[in-house]
Amino acid sequence: MNNKCGAERTNGFASKLEASVYQLLQLRQKAGELEIIGTQHELWLTEARIVYKPDFTLRDVKLDVLWYCEAKGYEFPKWPIIKKLWPYYGPAGSWLEIWKGSYKNPVLTEVLKVREC
């Protein structure tokens, strides 16, 4: 079954790219770098409560900080707004890894850090 973007669901994930990124995160977890907390947790950006659900919520083992990961294939019209808001309204101390490319070759293209006050 396909999701609303026409991507083929793979092992419960919205796309093959998302499943591939999850496999990479699992390797990083086995190496002791991070802990996978969950998927699709709701975050609210700004007091207007703009909802954003990053693909993965993770915990940095060394820093004991939550951070987030997005496998970005199709970019919804809302995505540029999310990218602009993240540095100002993302959870304090966190960051957002953005992975693009194909499921055969996912590439970490950007890391958005939340600005400190």
N, C-alpha and C. Protein backbone atom coordinates (compact mmCIF):
# COMPACT_ATOMS: atom_id res chain seq x y z
N MET A 1 0.84 -1.19 0.00
CA MET A 1 0.00 0.00 0.00
C MET A 1 0.89 1.25 0.00
N ASN A 2 0.49 2.25 -0.73
CA ASN A 2 1.24 3.49 -0.82
C ASN A 2 0.72 4.51 0.17
N ASN A 3 1.58 5.49 0.54
CA ASN A 3 1.12 6.56 1.40
C ASN A 3 0.59 7.71 0.54
N LYS A 4 0.24 8.82 1.18
CA LYS A 4 -0.41 9.90 0.44
C LYS A 4 0.48 10.55 -0.62
N CYS A 5 1.78 10.36 -0.56
CA CYS A 5 2.68 10.93 -1.57
C CYS A 5 2.95 9.95 -2.71
N GLY A 6 2.39 8.76 -2.61
CA GLY A 6 2.62 7.77 -3.63
C GLY A 6 3.83 6.90 -3.36
N ALA A 7 4.56 7.17 -2.24
CA ALA A 7 5.72 6.35 -1.90
C ALA A 7 5.25 5.00 -1.37
N GLU A 8 6.02 3.99 -1.64
CA GLU A 8 5.67 2.65 -1.19
C GLU A 8 6.07 2.47 0.27
N ARG A 9 5.12 2.04 1.11
CA ARG A 9 5.41 1.77 2.52
C ARG A 9 6.35 0.58 2.60
N THR A 10 7.35 0.68 3.49
CA THR A 10 8.35 -0.37 3.65
C THR A 10 8.54 -0.66 5.12
N ASN A 11 8.27 -1.87 5.53
CA ASN A 11 8.44 -2.29 6.93
C ASN A 11 7.79 -1.32 7.92
N GLY A 12 6.64 -0.80 7.56
CA GLY A 12 5.93 0.10 8.46
C GLY A 12 6.33 1.55 8.33
N PHE A 13 7.28 1.87 7.50
CA PHE A 13 7.71 3.25 7.31
C PHE A 13 7.04 3.85 6.08
N ALA A 14 6.95 5.18 6.06
CA ALA A 14 6.24 5.88 5.00
C ALA A 14 6.93 5.76 3.64
N SER A 15 8.22 5.46 3.63
CA SER A 15 8.94 5.35 2.36
C SER A 15 10.15 4.44 2.51
N LYS A 16 10.71 4.05 1.39
CA LYS A 16 11.95 3.25 1.41
C LYS A 16 13.10 4.08 1.97
N LEU A 17 13.13 5.38 1.67
CA LEU A 17 14.19 6.25 2.21
C LEU A 17 14.11 6.27 3.73
N GLU A 18 12.92 6.43 4.28
CA GLU A 18 12.76 6.47 5.73
C GLU A 18 13.22 5.14 6.36
N ALA A 19 12.89 4.03 5.74
CA ALA A 19 13.32 2.71 6.24
C ALA A 19 14.84 2.60 6.19
N SER A 20 15.47 3.11 5.14
CA SER A 20 16.94 3.06 5.02
C SER A 20 17.60 3.92 6.08
N VAL A 21 17.05 5.11 6.32
CA VAL A 21 17.61 5.98 7.36
C VAL A 21 17.47 5.30 8.72
N TYR A 22 16.35 4.65 8.97
CA TYR A 22 16.16 3.93 10.23
C TYR A 22 17.24 2.85 10.40
N GLN A 23 17.57 2.14 9.32
CA GLN A 23 18.61 1.12 9.40
C GLN A 23 19.96 1.74 9.77
N LEU A 24 20.25 2.93 9.21
CA LEU A 24 21.49 3.63 9.57
C LEU A 24 21.48 4.05 11.04
N LEU A 25 20.33 4.51 11.51
CA LEU A 25 20.21 4.90 12.92
C LEU A 25 20.40 3.69 13.83
N GLN A 26 19.90 2.54 13.40
CA GLN A 26 20.08 1.32 14.20
C GLN A 26 21.56 0.97 14.33
N LEU A 27 22.32 1.15 13.25
CA LEU A 27 23.76 0.90 13.31
C LEU A 27 24.44 1.85 14.30
N ARG A 28 24.03 3.10 14.27
CA ARG A 28 24.59 4.09 15.20
C ARG A 28 24.19 3.76 16.64
N GLN A 29 23.00 3.19 16.81
CA GLN A 29 22.57 2.79 18.14
C GLN A 29 23.42 1.62 18.64
N LYS A 30 23.68 0.64 17.77
CA LYS A 30 24.52 -0.50 18.14
C LYS A 30 25.94 -0.06 18.50
N ALA A 31 26.40 1.03 17.87
CA ALA A 31 27.73 1.56 18.16
C ALA A 31 27.76 2.37 19.46
N GLY A 32 26.59 2.57 20.08
CA GLY A 32 26.53 3.28 21.35
C GLY A 32 26.47 4.78 21.24
N GLU A 33 26.21 5.28 20.04
CA GLU A 33 26.18 6.72 19.80
C GLU A 33 24.85 7.35 20.18
N LEU A 34 23.76 6.61 19.97
CA LEU A 34 22.43 7.17 20.19
C LEU A 34 21.47 6.08 20.65
N GLU A 35 20.32 6.53 21.11
CA GLU A 35 19.22 5.63 21.44
C GLU A 35 18.00 6.08 20.65
N ILE A 36 17.37 5.14 19.97
CA ILE A 36 16.16 5.46 19.21
C ILE A 36 14.99 5.47 20.19
N ILE A 37 14.34 6.62 20.32
CA ILE A 37 13.24 6.78 21.27
C ILE A 37 11.90 6.45 20.62
N GLY A 38 11.67 6.93 19.40
CA GLY A 38 10.40 6.67 18.75
C GLY A 38 10.28 7.35 17.41
N THR A 39 9.07 7.30 16.86
CA THR A 39 8.81 7.89 15.55
C THR A 39 7.58 8.78 15.62
N GLN A 40 7.57 9.78 14.77
CA GLN A 40 6.42 10.65 14.55
C GLN A 40 5.86 11.31 15.82
N HIS A 41 6.75 11.71 16.74
CA HIS A 41 6.29 12.44 17.93
C HIS A 41 5.91 13.86 17.53
N GLU A 42 4.80 14.35 18.06
CA GLU A 42 4.35 15.71 17.74
C GLU A 42 5.17 16.75 18.49
N LEU A 43 5.64 17.74 17.74
CA LEU A 43 6.30 18.91 18.32
C LEU A 43 5.52 20.13 17.87
N TRP A 44 5.49 21.16 18.69
CA TRP A 44 4.82 22.40 18.32
C TRP A 44 5.86 23.48 18.18
N LEU A 45 5.87 24.13 17.04
CA LEU A 45 6.80 25.22 16.77
C LEU A 45 6.01 26.53 16.83
N THR A 46 6.45 27.46 17.59
CA THR A 46 5.87 28.78 17.83
C THR A 46 4.68 28.69 18.77
N GLU A 47 4.29 29.82 19.30
CA GLU A 47 3.12 29.86 20.17
C GLU A 47 1.83 29.62 19.37
N ALA A 48 1.92 29.74 18.06
CA ALA A 48 0.77 29.44 17.21
C ALA A 48 0.55 27.93 17.09
N ARG A 49 1.46 27.15 17.69
CA ARG A 49 1.37 25.69 17.74
C ARG A 49 1.34 25.05 16.35
N ILE A 50 2.29 25.44 15.54
CA ILE A 50 2.46 24.79 14.23
C ILE A 50 2.99 23.39 14.51
N VAL A 51 2.26 22.38 14.08
CA VAL A 51 2.61 20.99 14.37
C VAL A 51 3.65 20.49 13.38
N TYR A 52 4.67 19.81 13.93
CA TYR A 52 5.68 19.14 13.11
C TYR A 52 5.95 17.78 13.74
N LYS A 53 5.96 16.75 12.91
CA LYS A 53 6.23 15.39 13.37
C LYS A 53 7.49 14.87 12.68
N PRO A 54 8.64 15.06 13.31
CA PRO A 54 9.86 14.51 12.70
C PRO A 54 9.77 12.98 12.63
N ASP A 55 10.46 12.41 11.66
CA ASP A 55 10.39 10.96 11.46
C ASP A 55 10.88 10.19 12.68
N PHE A 56 11.97 10.65 13.30
CA PHE A 56 12.56 9.91 14.41
C PHE A 56 12.94 10.85 15.55
N THR A 57 12.71 10.37 16.77
CA THR A 57 13.18 11.05 17.98
C THR A 57 14.27 10.19 18.56
N LEU A 58 15.40 10.81 18.88
CA LEU A 58 16.57 10.08 19.33
C LEU A 58 17.16 10.74 20.58
N ARG A 59 18.03 10.01 21.26
CA ARG A 59 18.73 10.58 22.40
C ARG A 59 20.22 10.40 22.19
N ASP A 60 20.97 11.50 22.28
CA ASP A 60 22.42 11.45 22.21
C ASP A 60 22.92 10.83 23.52
N VAL A 61 23.61 9.72 23.45
CA VAL A 61 24.03 8.99 24.64
C VAL A 61 25.03 9.79 25.47
N LYS A 62 25.99 10.44 24.82
CA LYS A 62 27.02 11.19 25.55
C LYS A 62 26.47 12.46 26.18
N LEU A 63 25.66 13.19 25.43
CA LEU A 63 25.14 14.48 25.92
C LEU A 63 23.83 14.34 26.70
N ASP A 64 23.18 13.19 26.60
CA ASP A 64 21.87 12.95 27.21
C ASP A 64 20.87 14.03 26.80
N VAL A 65 20.81 14.26 25.48
CA VAL A 65 19.92 15.27 24.90
C VAL A 65 19.07 14.61 23.82
N LEU A 66 17.80 14.97 23.77
CA LEU A 66 16.94 14.50 22.68
C LEU A 66 17.24 15.29 21.42
N TRP A 67 17.20 14.62 20.28
CA TRP A 67 17.34 15.26 18.98
C TRP A 67 16.48 14.50 17.99
N TYR A 68 16.44 14.99 16.77
CA TYR A 68 15.44 14.53 15.82
C TYR A 68 16.07 14.27 14.45
N CYS A 69 15.38 13.47 13.65
CA CYS A 69 15.89 13.09 12.34
C CYS A 69 14.73 13.05 11.36
N GLU A 70 14.97 13.54 10.16
CA GLU A 70 13.97 13.60 9.10
C GLU A 70 14.54 12.98 7.83
N ALA A 71 13.83 12.00 7.27
CA ALA A 71 14.17 11.45 5.96
C ALA A 71 13.29 12.20 4.96
N LYS A 72 13.89 13.08 4.20
CA LYS A 72 13.10 14.00 3.37
C LYS A 72 13.20 13.62 1.91
N GLY A 73 12.14 12.97 1.45
CA GLY A 73 11.99 12.69 0.02
C GLY A 73 11.20 13.83 -0.59
N TYR A 74 9.90 13.64 -0.64
CA TYR A 74 9.01 14.69 -1.15
C TYR A 74 8.93 15.82 -0.13
N GLU A 75 9.07 17.05 -0.60
CA GLU A 75 8.98 18.20 0.30
C GLU A 75 7.60 18.84 0.19
N PHE A 76 6.80 18.64 1.23
CA PHE A 76 5.49 19.27 1.29
C PHE A 76 5.64 20.79 1.31
N PRO A 77 4.62 21.54 0.91
CA PRO A 77 4.71 23.01 0.93
C PRO A 77 5.05 23.58 2.31
N LYS A 78 4.69 22.87 3.37
CA LYS A 78 4.95 23.32 4.74
C LYS A 78 6.43 23.17 5.14
N TRP A 79 7.19 22.33 4.44
CA TRP A 79 8.57 22.01 4.83
C TRP A 79 9.48 23.25 4.91
N PRO A 80 9.50 24.17 3.93
CA PRO A 80 10.38 25.34 4.06
C PRO A 80 10.07 26.18 5.31
N ILE A 81 8.81 26.21 5.71
CA ILE A 81 8.44 26.94 6.93
C ILE A 81 9.02 26.23 8.16
N ILE A 82 8.90 24.92 8.20
CA ILE A 82 9.45 24.14 9.32
C ILE A 82 10.95 24.38 9.43
N LYS A 83 11.66 24.34 8.30
CA LYS A 83 13.11 24.56 8.31
C LYS A 83 13.47 25.94 8.85
N LYS A 84 12.70 26.94 8.50
CA LYS A 84 12.98 28.30 8.98
C LYS A 84 12.67 28.45 10.47
N LEU A 85 11.64 27.76 10.95
CA LEU A 85 11.23 27.88 12.35
C LEU A 85 12.10 27.07 13.30
N TRP A 86 12.64 25.96 12.82
CA TRP A 86 13.36 25.04 13.70
C TRP A 86 14.45 25.72 14.54
N PRO A 87 15.35 26.51 13.96
CA PRO A 87 16.41 27.11 14.79
C PRO A 87 15.89 28.01 15.91
N TYR A 88 14.70 28.53 15.77
CA TYR A 88 14.15 29.45 16.76
C TYR A 88 13.18 28.78 17.73
N TYR A 89 12.47 27.76 17.27
CA TYR A 89 11.39 27.18 18.08
C TYR A 89 11.51 25.69 18.32
N GLY A 90 12.55 25.06 17.80
CA GLY A 90 12.74 23.64 18.07
C GLY A 90 13.04 23.45 19.56
N PRO A 91 12.93 22.23 20.06
CA PRO A 91 13.21 21.98 21.47
C PRO A 91 14.62 22.41 21.86
N ALA A 92 14.73 23.11 22.98
CA ALA A 92 16.02 23.67 23.43
C ALA A 92 17.11 22.61 23.47
N GLY A 93 18.27 22.97 22.94
CA GLY A 93 19.44 22.09 22.97
C GLY A 93 19.43 20.98 21.94
N SER A 94 18.39 20.92 21.12
CA SER A 94 18.29 19.82 20.16
C SER A 94 18.78 20.23 18.78
N TRP A 95 18.77 19.27 17.89
CA TRP A 95 19.09 19.53 16.49
C TRP A 95 18.25 18.59 15.64
N LEU A 96 18.24 18.87 14.35
CA LEU A 96 17.46 18.09 13.40
C LEU A 96 18.37 17.68 12.25
N GLU A 97 18.59 16.37 12.10
CA GLU A 97 19.34 15.86 10.95
C GLU A 97 18.37 15.68 9.80
N ILE A 98 18.76 16.13 8.61
CA ILE A 98 17.93 15.98 7.42
C ILE A 98 18.68 15.08 6.43
N TRP A 99 18.04 13.96 6.11
CA TRP A 99 18.61 12.99 5.18
C TRP A 99 17.83 13.05 3.88
N LYS A 100 18.56 13.05 2.77
CA LYS A 100 17.94 13.04 1.44
C LYS A 100 18.62 11.97 0.60
N GLY A 101 18.32 11.96 -0.67
CA GLY A 101 18.91 10.97 -1.55
C GLY A 101 17.92 9.86 -1.83
N SER A 102 18.44 8.71 -2.19
CA SER A 102 17.58 7.56 -2.49
C SER A 102 17.71 6.55 -1.36
N TYR A 103 16.81 5.58 -1.35
CA TYR A 103 16.89 4.56 -0.32
C TYR A 103 18.17 3.73 -0.46
N LYS A 104 18.71 3.68 -1.66
CA LYS A 104 19.96 2.95 -1.87
C LYS A 104 21.17 3.75 -1.42
N ASN A 105 21.01 5.07 -1.35
CA ASN A 105 22.13 5.93 -0.97
C ASN A 105 21.64 7.15 -0.19
N PRO A 106 21.16 6.96 1.06
CA PRO A 106 20.74 8.12 1.85
C PRO A 106 21.95 8.97 2.22
N VAL A 107 21.76 10.29 2.19
CA VAL A 107 22.86 11.22 2.44
C VAL A 107 22.41 12.24 3.49
N LEU A 108 23.22 12.42 4.51
CA LEU A 108 22.96 13.47 5.49
C LEU A 108 23.31 14.79 4.82
N THR A 109 22.29 15.62 4.57
CA THR A 109 22.51 16.84 3.80
C THR A 109 22.58 18.10 4.66
N GLU A 110 21.99 18.03 5.86
CA GLU A 110 21.91 19.25 6.66
C GLU A 110 21.64 18.89 8.12
N VAL A 111 22.19 19.70 9.02
CA VAL A 111 21.88 19.59 10.45
C VAL A 111 21.45 20.98 10.90
N LEU A 112 20.20 21.08 11.36
CA LEU A 112 19.68 22.36 11.85
C LEU A 112 19.78 22.35 13.37
N LYS A 113 20.47 23.32 13.92
CA LYS A 113 20.61 23.42 15.37
C LYS A 113 19.69 24.49 15.91
N VAL A 114 19.17 24.26 17.10
CA VAL A 114 18.33 25.25 17.76
C VAL A 114 19.24 26.33 18.33
N ARG A 115 18.92 27.58 18.05
CA ARG A 115 19.72 28.70 18.55
C ARG A 115 19.53 28.84 20.04
N GLU A 116 20.63 29.18 20.71
CA GLU A 116 20.55 29.42 22.15
C GLU A 116 20.15 30.86 22.41
N CYS A 117 19.34 31.02 23.44
CA CYS A 117 18.84 32.36 23.79
C CYS A 117 19.93 33.23 24.36
